[in-house]
C-alpha cells in the first residue's frame, strides 16, 4: 500500500524523531489561524482595555510568540528550531463575536515550522481565554488549523479556498 505515511513512526511501529540531516536548508514559512468566540460584552471589554488582567491582545500576542519558540519543549518529537520570525496578529471579528488569531512562523532550515505556527495560535487563544475568563467563562476556542506552508521537499500547501 503506497500513499501518505506517518513520518514519526519507524518500521517497527515505534515513535521516533525524524532525521532531517540530509534535507536541504530552505526558507520555510507556515501560517496558522484560530479564534476565540465570546459574548459581545466581553469583546467590548477587551477592546476598551478594561479587562481586570490588563492588555489582553498585547499579552496574547506575546504569549503566542513565546510559545512558538518553545514548541520542541511541548511536543515530544519536534526539532528545536532557530526561528527567524514569528508574528501573531489578533483582530476583532464581530461576526463571531470574538477575536481571530493568525500566526506566521519562518526560518531557513531543514524542517518545517507548521507546529510552531499552530502552537503560537493555540497559546494566544488560551491566553485570551485566561485573561478574560472572569468576565466570560463560556468563551470557545476553535478553528485552529494550518492555513499555508511553503518551502521544503514536500512543496507548498495552501488550504483550499484560502487566498493568503
N, C-alpha and C. Protein backbone atom coordinates (compact mmCIF):
# COMPACT_ATOMS: atom_id res chain seq x y z
N UNK A 1 0.86 -1.18 0.00
CA UNK A 1 0.00 0.00 0.00
C UNK A 1 0.90 1.24 0.00
N UNK A 2 0.73 2.10 -0.98
CA UNK A 2 1.51 3.33 -1.01
C UNK A 2 0.60 4.50 -0.71
N UNK A 3 1.21 5.66 -0.59
CA UNK A 3 0.44 6.85 -0.27
C UNK A 3 1.03 7.51 0.96
N UNK A 4 0.26 8.34 1.61
CA UNK A 4 0.77 9.06 2.78
C UNK A 4 1.19 8.09 3.88
N UNK A 5 2.23 8.46 4.61
CA UNK A 5 2.67 7.66 5.74
C UNK A 5 2.95 8.58 6.92
N UNK A 6 3.05 7.99 8.09
CA UNK A 6 3.36 8.76 9.29
C UNK A 6 4.87 8.82 9.43
N UNK A 7 5.43 10.00 9.32
CA UNK A 7 6.89 10.15 9.31
C UNK A 7 7.54 9.91 10.67
N UNK A 8 6.78 10.00 11.75
CA UNK A 8 7.35 9.84 13.08
C UNK A 8 7.21 8.41 13.60
N UNK A 9 6.80 7.47 12.73
CA UNK A 9 6.67 6.07 13.11
C UNK A 9 7.67 5.26 12.30
N UNK A 10 8.54 4.49 13.00
CA UNK A 10 9.54 3.72 12.27
C UNK A 10 8.96 2.38 11.79
N UNK A 11 9.79 1.56 11.15
CA UNK A 11 9.32 0.30 10.57
C UNK A 11 8.81 -0.68 11.62
N UNK A 12 9.21 -0.51 12.86
CA UNK A 12 8.73 -1.37 13.94
C UNK A 12 7.49 -0.81 14.63
N UNK A 13 7.01 0.33 14.12
CA UNK A 13 5.82 0.94 14.71
C UNK A 13 6.10 1.80 15.92
N UNK A 14 7.35 2.10 16.17
CA UNK A 14 7.74 2.92 17.32
C UNK A 14 7.83 4.39 16.92
N UNK A 15 7.47 5.25 17.86
CA UNK A 15 7.61 6.70 17.63
C UNK A 15 9.08 7.07 17.63
N UNK A 16 9.48 7.94 16.70
CA UNK A 16 10.87 8.39 16.66
C UNK A 16 10.95 9.79 16.09
N UNK A 17 12.09 10.41 16.31
CA UNK A 17 12.33 11.73 15.76
C UNK A 17 12.87 11.57 14.35
N UNK A 18 12.31 12.29 13.40
CA UNK A 18 12.73 12.19 12.01
C UNK A 18 14.13 12.75 11.85
N UNK A 19 14.97 12.06 11.09
CA UNK A 19 16.32 12.54 10.79
C UNK A 19 16.22 13.52 9.62
N UNK A 20 16.50 14.78 9.88
CA UNK A 20 16.42 15.80 8.83
C UNK A 20 17.81 16.22 8.35
N UNK A 21 18.84 15.49 8.78
CA UNK A 21 20.22 15.86 8.47
C UNK A 21 20.54 15.92 6.99
N UNK A 22 19.89 15.11 6.18
CA UNK A 22 20.16 15.09 4.74
C UNK A 22 19.26 16.03 3.94
N UNK A 23 18.34 16.70 4.60
CA UNK A 23 17.43 17.60 3.89
C UNK A 23 18.13 18.93 3.59
N UNK A 24 17.73 19.54 2.51
CA UNK A 24 18.30 20.84 2.13
C UNK A 24 17.75 21.93 3.02
N UNK A 25 18.60 22.92 3.31
CA UNK A 25 18.13 24.10 4.02
C UNK A 25 17.40 24.99 3.04
N UNK A 26 16.16 25.30 3.36
CA UNK A 26 15.36 26.20 2.54
C UNK A 26 14.61 27.15 3.45
N UNK A 27 14.12 28.24 2.88
CA UNK A 27 13.26 29.15 3.64
C UNK A 27 11.91 28.47 3.78
N UNK A 28 11.45 28.40 5.00
CA UNK A 28 10.19 27.72 5.30
C UNK A 28 9.30 28.67 6.09
N UNK A 29 8.05 28.75 5.67
CA UNK A 29 7.09 29.65 6.31
C UNK A 29 5.79 28.88 6.51
N UNK A 30 5.17 29.05 7.66
CA UNK A 30 3.86 28.45 7.92
C UNK A 30 2.95 29.50 8.54
N UNK A 31 1.68 29.44 8.17
CA UNK A 31 0.66 30.33 8.72
C UNK A 31 -0.47 29.45 9.28
N UNK A 32 -0.88 29.77 10.50
CA UNK A 32 -1.98 29.05 11.15
C UNK A 32 -2.98 30.07 11.68
N UNK A 33 -4.18 29.60 11.96
CA UNK A 33 -5.22 30.50 12.48
C UNK A 33 -6.08 29.78 13.50
N UNK A 34 -6.82 30.59 14.25
CA UNK A 34 -7.79 30.09 15.22
C UNK A 34 -8.63 31.26 15.68
N UNK A 35 -9.57 31.01 16.57
CA UNK A 35 -10.40 32.11 17.08
C UNK A 35 -10.89 31.82 18.49
N UNK A 36 -11.30 32.90 19.15
CA UNK A 36 -11.95 32.80 20.45
C UNK A 36 -13.30 33.50 20.32
N UNK A 37 -14.34 32.72 20.45
CA UNK A 37 -15.71 33.25 20.38
C UNK A 37 -16.14 33.62 21.80
N UNK A 38 -16.80 34.78 21.92
CA UNK A 38 -17.18 35.28 23.25
C UNK A 38 -18.44 36.14 23.14
N UNK A 39 -18.96 36.52 24.28
CA UNK A 39 -20.10 37.44 24.28
C UNK A 39 -19.65 38.80 23.77
N UNK A 40 -20.54 39.52 23.14
CA UNK A 40 -20.24 40.86 22.63
C UNK A 40 -19.73 41.78 23.74
N UNK A 41 -20.28 41.64 24.93
CA UNK A 41 -19.86 42.46 26.06
C UNK A 41 -18.41 42.18 26.45
N UNK A 42 -18.02 40.92 26.34
CA UNK A 42 -16.64 40.54 26.66
C UNK A 42 -15.69 41.11 25.63
N UNK A 43 -16.08 41.03 24.36
CA UNK A 43 -15.26 41.60 23.29
C UNK A 43 -15.08 43.10 23.51
N UNK A 44 -16.15 43.78 23.84
CA UNK A 44 -16.07 45.23 24.09
C UNK A 44 -15.14 45.53 25.27
N UNK A 45 -15.23 44.75 26.32
CA UNK A 45 -14.38 44.93 27.49
C UNK A 45 -12.90 44.80 27.11
N UNK A 46 -12.58 43.79 26.29
CA UNK A 46 -11.20 43.57 25.85
C UNK A 46 -10.73 44.74 24.98
N UNK A 47 -11.56 45.12 24.02
CA UNK A 47 -11.17 46.18 23.08
C UNK A 47 -11.04 47.54 23.75
N UNK A 48 -11.80 47.77 24.80
CA UNK A 48 -11.71 49.03 25.55
C UNK A 48 -10.52 49.03 26.50
N UNK A 49 -9.88 47.87 26.67
CA UNK A 49 -8.74 47.79 27.58
C UNK A 49 -9.13 47.73 29.03
N UNK A 50 -10.35 47.25 29.32
CA UNK A 50 -10.84 47.25 30.69
C UNK A 50 -10.86 45.87 31.35
N UNK A 51 -10.16 44.91 30.76
CA UNK A 51 -10.10 43.59 31.40
C UNK A 51 -9.28 43.70 32.68
N UNK A 52 -9.69 42.97 33.72
CA UNK A 52 -9.02 43.06 35.02
C UNK A 52 -7.54 42.74 34.96
N UNK A 53 -7.14 41.83 34.07
CA UNK A 53 -5.74 41.41 33.99
C UNK A 53 -4.90 42.30 33.08
N UNK A 54 -5.52 43.28 32.42
CA UNK A 54 -4.74 44.20 31.60
C UNK A 54 -4.94 44.02 30.10
N UNK A 55 -3.90 44.31 29.33
CA UNK A 55 -3.93 44.31 27.87
C UNK A 55 -4.02 42.88 27.33
N UNK A 56 -5.22 42.43 27.06
CA UNK A 56 -5.46 41.05 26.63
C UNK A 56 -4.79 40.78 25.29
N UNK A 57 -5.00 41.63 24.31
CA UNK A 57 -4.48 41.38 22.97
C UNK A 57 -2.96 41.43 22.94
N UNK A 58 -2.37 42.42 23.57
CA UNK A 58 -0.92 42.53 23.60
C UNK A 58 -0.27 41.35 24.32
N UNK A 59 -0.87 40.94 25.43
CA UNK A 59 -0.34 39.82 26.19
C UNK A 59 -0.48 38.52 25.40
N UNK A 60 -1.61 38.32 24.74
CA UNK A 60 -1.82 37.11 23.95
C UNK A 60 -0.85 37.05 22.77
N UNK A 61 -0.60 38.19 22.15
CA UNK A 61 0.36 38.23 21.04
C UNK A 61 1.75 37.80 21.53
N UNK A 62 2.18 38.36 22.63
CA UNK A 62 3.48 38.00 23.20
C UNK A 62 3.52 36.52 23.61
N UNK A 63 2.46 36.03 24.22
CA UNK A 63 2.40 34.62 24.63
C UNK A 63 2.52 33.69 23.42
N UNK A 64 1.87 34.06 22.32
CA UNK A 64 1.96 33.24 21.10
C UNK A 64 3.37 33.19 20.56
N UNK A 65 4.04 34.34 20.53
CA UNK A 65 5.43 34.38 20.04
C UNK A 65 6.33 33.54 20.94
N UNK A 66 6.18 33.70 22.24
CA UNK A 66 6.99 32.93 23.18
C UNK A 66 6.72 31.44 23.04
N UNK A 67 5.47 31.07 22.84
CA UNK A 67 5.11 29.65 22.71
C UNK A 67 5.74 29.03 21.47
N UNK A 68 5.73 29.76 20.36
CA UNK A 68 6.33 29.23 19.13
C UNK A 68 7.79 28.85 19.39
N UNK A 69 8.48 29.66 20.17
CA UNK A 69 9.90 29.42 20.46
C UNK A 69 10.10 28.22 21.38
N UNK A 70 9.05 27.76 22.04
CA UNK A 70 9.14 26.64 22.98
C UNK A 70 8.50 25.35 22.45
N UNK A 71 8.12 25.32 21.19
CA UNK A 71 7.38 24.19 20.64
C UNK A 71 8.07 22.85 20.89
N UNK A 72 9.36 22.78 20.68
CA UNK A 72 10.06 21.49 20.85
C UNK A 72 10.06 21.03 22.31
N UNK A 73 9.84 21.93 23.26
CA UNK A 73 9.73 21.55 24.66
C UNK A 73 8.33 21.05 25.01
N UNK A 74 7.37 21.35 24.15
CA UNK A 74 5.98 20.98 24.41
C UNK A 74 5.54 19.74 23.64
N UNK A 75 6.05 19.56 22.45
CA UNK A 75 5.62 18.46 21.58
C UNK A 75 6.82 17.52 21.43
N UNK A 76 6.71 16.30 21.91
CA UNK A 76 7.85 15.41 22.08
C UNK A 76 8.78 15.21 20.88
N UNK A 77 8.30 15.09 19.68
CA UNK A 77 9.17 14.74 18.56
C UNK A 77 9.51 15.92 17.66
N UNK A 78 9.21 17.13 18.09
CA UNK A 78 9.55 18.32 17.30
C UNK A 78 11.02 18.67 17.50
N UNK A 79 11.65 19.10 16.41
CA UNK A 79 13.04 19.54 16.48
C UNK A 79 13.11 20.94 17.08
N UNK A 80 14.14 21.23 17.88
CA UNK A 80 14.36 22.62 18.30
C UNK A 80 14.78 23.43 17.07
N UNK A 81 14.17 24.57 16.87
CA UNK A 81 14.40 25.35 15.66
C UNK A 81 14.90 26.75 15.99
N UNK A 82 15.72 27.28 15.09
CA UNK A 82 16.18 28.67 15.18
C UNK A 82 15.25 29.52 14.32
N UNK A 83 14.14 29.91 14.88
CA UNK A 83 13.17 30.71 14.15
C UNK A 83 13.77 32.08 13.81
N UNK A 84 13.49 32.56 12.61
CA UNK A 84 13.96 33.88 12.23
C UNK A 84 12.86 34.92 12.36
N UNK A 85 11.61 34.46 12.42
CA UNK A 85 10.48 35.40 12.56
C UNK A 85 9.26 34.65 13.07
N UNK A 86 8.57 35.25 14.01
CA UNK A 86 7.25 34.80 14.43
C UNK A 86 6.40 36.06 14.56
N UNK A 87 5.25 36.05 13.93
CA UNK A 87 4.32 37.18 14.03
C UNK A 87 2.95 36.64 14.43
N UNK A 88 2.30 37.31 15.35
CA UNK A 88 0.95 36.93 15.78
C UNK A 88 0.07 38.15 15.63
N UNK A 89 -0.99 38.00 14.85
CA UNK A 89 -1.96 39.08 14.65
C UNK A 89 -3.29 38.66 15.26
N UNK A 90 -3.90 39.57 15.98
CA UNK A 90 -5.18 39.32 16.64
C UNK A 90 -6.13 40.44 16.24
N UNK A 91 -7.24 40.06 15.63
CA UNK A 91 -8.19 41.06 15.14
C UNK A 91 -9.61 40.75 15.60
N UNK A 92 -10.35 41.79 15.74
CA UNK A 92 -11.76 41.74 16.10
C UNK A 92 -12.55 41.09 14.97
N UNK A 93 -13.52 40.28 15.34
CA UNK A 93 -14.46 39.71 14.38
C UNK A 93 -15.85 39.76 15.00
N UNK A 94 -16.63 40.76 14.60
CA UNK A 94 -17.97 40.93 15.16
C UNK A 94 -18.92 39.82 14.76
N UNK A 95 -18.61 39.10 13.68
CA UNK A 95 -19.46 38.00 13.24
C UNK A 95 -19.42 36.83 14.22
N UNK A 96 -18.31 36.65 14.95
CA UNK A 96 -18.22 35.52 15.89
C UNK A 96 -19.21 35.68 17.04
N UNK A 97 -19.28 36.66 17.83
CA UNK A 97 -18.30 37.72 18.05
C UNK A 97 -17.08 37.17 18.78
N UNK A 98 -15.94 37.87 18.57
CA UNK A 98 -14.73 37.45 19.25
C UNK A 98 -13.48 37.95 18.56
N UNK A 99 -12.42 37.21 18.74
CA UNK A 99 -11.12 37.59 18.20
C UNK A 99 -10.58 36.47 17.32
N UNK A 100 -10.04 36.84 16.17
CA UNK A 100 -9.37 35.90 15.27
C UNK A 100 -7.87 36.05 15.48
N UNK A 101 -7.19 34.93 15.53
CA UNK A 101 -5.75 34.91 15.77
C UNK A 101 -5.08 34.26 14.56
N UNK A 102 -4.04 34.89 14.05
CA UNK A 102 -3.25 34.33 12.97
C UNK A 102 -1.78 34.41 13.37
N UNK A 103 -1.04 33.33 13.12
CA UNK A 103 0.39 33.31 13.43
C UNK A 103 1.16 32.86 12.21
N UNK A 104 2.33 33.48 12.03
CA UNK A 104 3.26 33.11 10.96
C UNK A 104 4.59 32.80 11.63
N UNK A 105 5.17 31.66 11.24
CA UNK A 105 6.50 31.29 11.72
C UNK A 105 7.39 31.09 10.50
N UNK A 106 8.66 31.49 10.63
CA UNK A 106 9.58 31.45 9.49
C UNK A 106 10.98 31.07 9.97
N UNK A 107 11.71 30.37 9.10
CA UNK A 107 13.12 30.08 9.32
C UNK A 107 13.76 29.65 8.01
N UNK A 108 15.07 29.58 8.04
CA UNK A 108 15.82 28.91 6.98
C UNK A 108 16.39 27.67 7.65
N UNK A 109 15.92 26.51 7.20
CA UNK A 109 16.35 25.29 7.88
C UNK A 109 15.96 24.04 7.13
N UNK A 110 16.06 22.91 7.85
CA UNK A 110 15.86 21.59 7.27
C UNK A 110 14.51 20.97 7.59
N UNK A 111 13.69 21.65 8.37
CA UNK A 111 12.38 21.12 8.72
C UNK A 111 11.39 22.26 8.81
N UNK A 112 10.13 21.92 8.67
CA UNK A 112 9.08 22.93 8.60
C UNK A 112 8.72 23.56 9.94
N UNK A 113 7.91 24.59 9.86
CA UNK A 113 7.53 25.37 11.04
C UNK A 113 6.02 25.36 11.29
N UNK A 114 5.35 24.34 10.76
CA UNK A 114 3.90 24.25 10.95
C UNK A 114 3.52 24.16 12.43
N UNK A 115 4.25 23.32 13.17
CA UNK A 115 3.91 23.14 14.58
C UNK A 115 4.13 24.41 15.38
N UNK A 116 5.14 25.18 15.00
CA UNK A 116 5.40 26.45 15.69
C UNK A 116 4.27 27.44 15.46
N UNK A 117 3.77 27.52 14.23
CA UNK A 117 2.66 28.43 13.94
C UNK A 117 1.39 27.97 14.66
N UNK A 118 1.13 26.67 14.65
CA UNK A 118 -0.05 26.14 15.34
C UNK A 118 0.04 26.32 16.86
N UNK A 119 1.23 26.15 17.40
CA UNK A 119 1.43 26.35 18.84
C UNK A 119 1.22 27.82 19.21
N UNK A 120 1.74 28.72 18.38
CA UNK A 120 1.56 30.16 18.64
C UNK A 120 0.08 30.52 18.70
N UNK A 121 -0.70 30.03 17.73
CA UNK A 121 -2.14 30.32 17.70
C UNK A 121 -2.82 29.74 18.93
N UNK A 122 -2.51 28.49 19.24
CA UNK A 122 -3.17 27.82 20.36
C UNK A 122 -2.92 28.54 21.68
N UNK A 123 -1.67 28.91 21.93
CA UNK A 123 -1.34 29.57 23.20
C UNK A 123 -1.89 31.00 23.23
N UNK A 124 -1.89 31.69 22.11
CA UNK A 124 -2.50 33.03 22.08
C UNK A 124 -3.99 32.93 22.42
N UNK A 125 -4.67 31.95 21.85
CA UNK A 125 -6.10 31.77 22.15
C UNK A 125 -6.32 31.41 23.63
N UNK A 126 -5.47 30.52 24.16
CA UNK A 126 -5.58 30.16 25.57
C UNK A 126 -5.32 31.37 26.47
N UNK A 127 -4.42 32.23 26.08
CA UNK A 127 -4.12 33.43 26.86
C UNK A 127 -5.30 34.39 26.86
N UNK A 128 -5.93 34.54 25.70
CA UNK A 128 -7.15 35.37 25.64
C UNK A 128 -8.18 34.82 26.61
N UNK A 129 -8.39 33.52 26.57
CA UNK A 129 -9.36 32.89 27.48
C UNK A 129 -8.97 33.17 28.93
N UNK A 130 -7.73 32.92 29.26
CA UNK A 130 -7.28 33.10 30.64
C UNK A 130 -7.49 34.52 31.13
N UNK A 131 -7.17 35.48 30.29
CA UNK A 131 -7.24 36.88 30.72
C UNK A 131 -8.66 37.42 30.80
N UNK A 132 -9.59 36.78 30.10
CA UNK A 132 -10.97 37.28 30.08
C UNK A 132 -11.97 36.34 30.75
N UNK A 133 -11.50 35.23 31.30
CA UNK A 133 -12.42 34.24 31.87
C UNK A 133 -13.24 34.78 33.04
N UNK A 134 -12.73 35.75 33.76
CA UNK A 134 -13.50 36.32 34.87
C UNK A 134 -14.79 36.97 34.37
N UNK A 135 -14.75 37.46 33.14
CA UNK A 135 -15.93 38.12 32.56
C UNK A 135 -16.81 37.16 31.77
N UNK A 136 -16.22 36.05 31.27
CA UNK A 136 -16.98 35.19 30.36
C UNK A 136 -16.36 33.79 30.34
N UNK A 137 -16.88 32.90 31.17
CA UNK A 137 -16.36 31.53 31.21
C UNK A 137 -16.91 30.67 30.07
N UNK A 138 -17.82 31.21 29.28
CA UNK A 138 -18.41 30.44 28.18
C UNK A 138 -17.70 30.67 26.86
N UNK A 139 -16.57 31.37 26.87
CA UNK A 139 -15.82 31.57 25.63
C UNK A 139 -15.47 30.22 25.02
N UNK A 140 -15.35 30.20 23.70
CA UNK A 140 -15.00 28.97 22.98
C UNK A 140 -13.79 29.23 22.11
N UNK A 141 -12.83 28.32 22.19
CA UNK A 141 -11.66 28.35 21.31
C UNK A 141 -11.93 27.37 20.18
N UNK A 142 -11.68 27.80 18.95
CA UNK A 142 -11.94 26.89 17.84
C UNK A 142 -11.19 27.26 16.58
N UNK A 143 -11.40 26.44 15.58
CA UNK A 143 -10.88 26.71 14.24
C UNK A 143 -9.37 26.72 14.13
N UNK A 144 -8.66 26.09 15.07
CA UNK A 144 -7.19 26.08 15.00
C UNK A 144 -6.78 25.15 13.86
N UNK A 145 -6.08 25.73 12.88
CA UNK A 145 -5.71 24.94 11.70
C UNK A 145 -4.57 25.60 10.94
N UNK A 146 -3.89 24.79 10.15
CA UNK A 146 -2.85 25.28 9.26
C UNK A 146 -3.51 25.92 8.05
N UNK A 147 -3.09 27.12 7.71
CA UNK A 147 -3.62 27.83 6.55
C UNK A 147 -2.73 27.59 5.34
N UNK A 148 -1.41 27.70 5.55
CA UNK A 148 -0.48 27.52 4.44
C UNK A 148 0.90 27.20 4.97
N UNK A 149 1.71 26.63 4.08
CA UNK A 149 3.12 26.41 4.39
C UNK A 149 3.88 26.43 3.07
N UNK A 150 5.12 26.88 3.13
CA UNK A 150 5.96 26.90 1.94
C UNK A 150 7.36 26.46 2.31
N UNK A 151 8.07 25.95 1.29
CA UNK A 151 9.43 25.50 1.48
C UNK A 151 9.51 24.02 1.77
N UNK A 152 10.68 23.49 1.54
CA UNK A 152 10.91 22.08 1.85
C UNK A 152 10.60 21.15 0.69
N UNK A 153 10.94 19.90 0.91
CA UNK A 153 10.81 18.86 -0.10
C UNK A 153 9.36 18.61 -0.51
N UNK A 154 8.44 18.72 0.43
CA UNK A 154 7.03 18.43 0.10
C UNK A 154 6.36 19.59 -0.63
N UNK A 155 7.03 20.72 -0.75
CA UNK A 155 6.48 21.84 -1.52
C UNK A 155 5.50 22.68 -0.73
N UNK A 156 4.78 23.47 -1.47
CA UNK A 156 3.85 24.42 -0.85
C UNK A 156 2.49 23.77 -0.61
N UNK A 157 1.81 24.29 0.40
CA UNK A 157 0.45 23.85 0.74
C UNK A 157 -0.36 25.10 1.05
N UNK A 158 -1.55 25.15 0.54
CA UNK A 158 -2.49 26.21 0.88
C UNK A 158 -3.85 25.56 1.07
N UNK A 159 -4.47 25.82 2.21
CA UNK A 159 -5.79 25.27 2.50
C UNK A 159 -6.74 25.68 1.39
N UNK A 160 -7.53 24.75 0.93
CA UNK A 160 -8.47 25.02 -0.15
C UNK A 160 -9.35 26.22 0.19
N UNK A 161 -9.47 27.12 -0.77
CA UNK A 161 -10.31 28.30 -0.59
C UNK A 161 -9.60 29.47 0.06
N UNK A 162 -8.34 29.29 0.47
CA UNK A 162 -7.58 30.37 1.11
C UNK A 162 -6.87 31.20 0.05
N UNK A 163 -6.80 32.50 0.28
CA UNK A 163 -6.10 33.39 -0.65
C UNK A 163 -4.82 33.95 -0.04
N UNK A 164 -4.59 33.72 1.26
CA UNK A 164 -3.39 34.25 1.92
C UNK A 164 -2.20 33.40 1.63
